[in-house]
Every structure is written in structure tokens, then in C-alpha cells.
Amino acid sequence: MGFLFIFAISITGEELLSKIDSVSRYPHSIGMFEQTIITTSGKKRTFRIKSFTKDGNDKQIMVYLFPPQVRGDAFLIKGNDVWAYFPETGRIRKIASHTKKQKMMGSDFTYEDMTIGTYKENFRPDQPVEKDGYYILTLYPAKGSDISYEKLVLTVDKNTFIPVKIDFYRKGDNQPYKTLLQEDIKVVDGIPTPMRIIMKNNTTGSSTEIKMLNIDYKTPVDEKMFSPEKLREVSEE
């Protein structure tokens, strides 16, 4: 007579989601990163970007420093809202909600990807399962949320609670439309930080790599920076 052993997981989907969110809920950060876009034809485009965040990733500013033709281009993200400033026009404009699925500056990250914020606010979790030392957690858009993906499947490191892999599924997809990888995890100022992030479009073959050059979690960031009226001033500093 055989025996069936069932091992219960000691963490619920809601508890795991809270731990995942807590890892990214640092008070503020100032960083510099390099973003390389590899197009479907294999052409590479590299940008250098300075970033400021507050309240986790609820408030973000990104200022493009290189190459010269995009120097000063800047984006402000607050919750689900995005504003852009382009020096050539001198105007600050809000990104319309119906364009959130568009690529941000030609990358494989959409405006929606950048505004997802905390998972617990926007998704409802399934019960996680354990596989090869990781938690596998499937998320579905919460009722009332404006998420275009049908589901996200997270592969979560059991020690750091960082999702080292996120598969994005659109409605009707049998295979993930996009895959996000978070690699080279280092502890900076006591915070586990992915130093390399890759977003792959599994349909087109394009990809975008973000390489963290430096990150500072200790220096305070002024709350007043995170207003559309200040975006021009921040981009010119």
C-alpha cells in the first residue's frame, strides 16, 4: 500500500504578497542606472538615467542624462499617473490613461508596468506552491483595478522575497507574453537590491536590460520634488 505525502505550505498568498511588497517599501532612494534596449533586429540603444524614489516605488522620477539627444527628458510617476517633460518642447504633459500600454521611450517596459506599484493594491493572489527552493505565486487583477494583464506568475526567492522572475500573461495567452528577470541581488544599505533587471518580449524577441550603476537608500529625497510643476526644474539640475 502506497502513501501520499502532502506538504502544506506555511505561508498564504496574502502573507507572501505582503512580504514581497515590504521588500520594495524603502522610504527613498537615489540611483543611477544604464538601460540597454535590444530591438527585434538586434540593434542596441543605451541610455543613462538618474532616478529618485519615495514611499517605495509609489513616487518615481527618471531623468535621462545620455545620449545627448534625450538629455533632460524626464518622467514623474505618482501612483497610476505619469507626467513627461521634454526640453525640446518645454512642456510638461500628463500621459493619457489609454496610452498606458505603450512602450516607455521605446523600451520593453510600458507605462502600465511602471505604475503597477504594490502588488497587494492591484492583484489578488492564488495559494503559492514551492518548487526548487522558490515560491511560485500566481496573481490575478483585483476587482476594480485597471490592469490589462490576465495574470502574473511570480517566482519568488524564499530568502529575500524578491521575485527573481515574473511572467506576464495577456488574455488568452498560453505562454507568457513578457518575462521579467531580476538578477545579481546585492544587499545595499541593508536592502536586497537587484543590480540587473531584464524585460524580455517573448513575442517579438526584443529585450531591455537595466544595470544598476549605483543606489543610495540613505540620502533623504525631498517630497516637493514629486510634483509635475517641479519636473522641469529637476530635469535641468
Foldseek 3Di string as FASTA:
>chain_A
DDDDDDDDDPAWFVRLLVLLQVLQQFAKKWFKKKKWKQFLVRDIDIWIWIKIDGRRLQWMKIATCDDPVQQLWMWIHHQLWIWIAGVVVRDIGTDDPVQQQPDDVPAPQGNCNSRCRRLVVFWDWDTWDDDPQWTWIKTAGDPPHPDQFRIKIFTAHPPQSHGQKIFTHGPPDPGGQKMKGFDDFDQDPNRTHRQKIKIAGPPSGMIMIMGTPDMDSPDDDDPVCRDSVNSSVVSVD
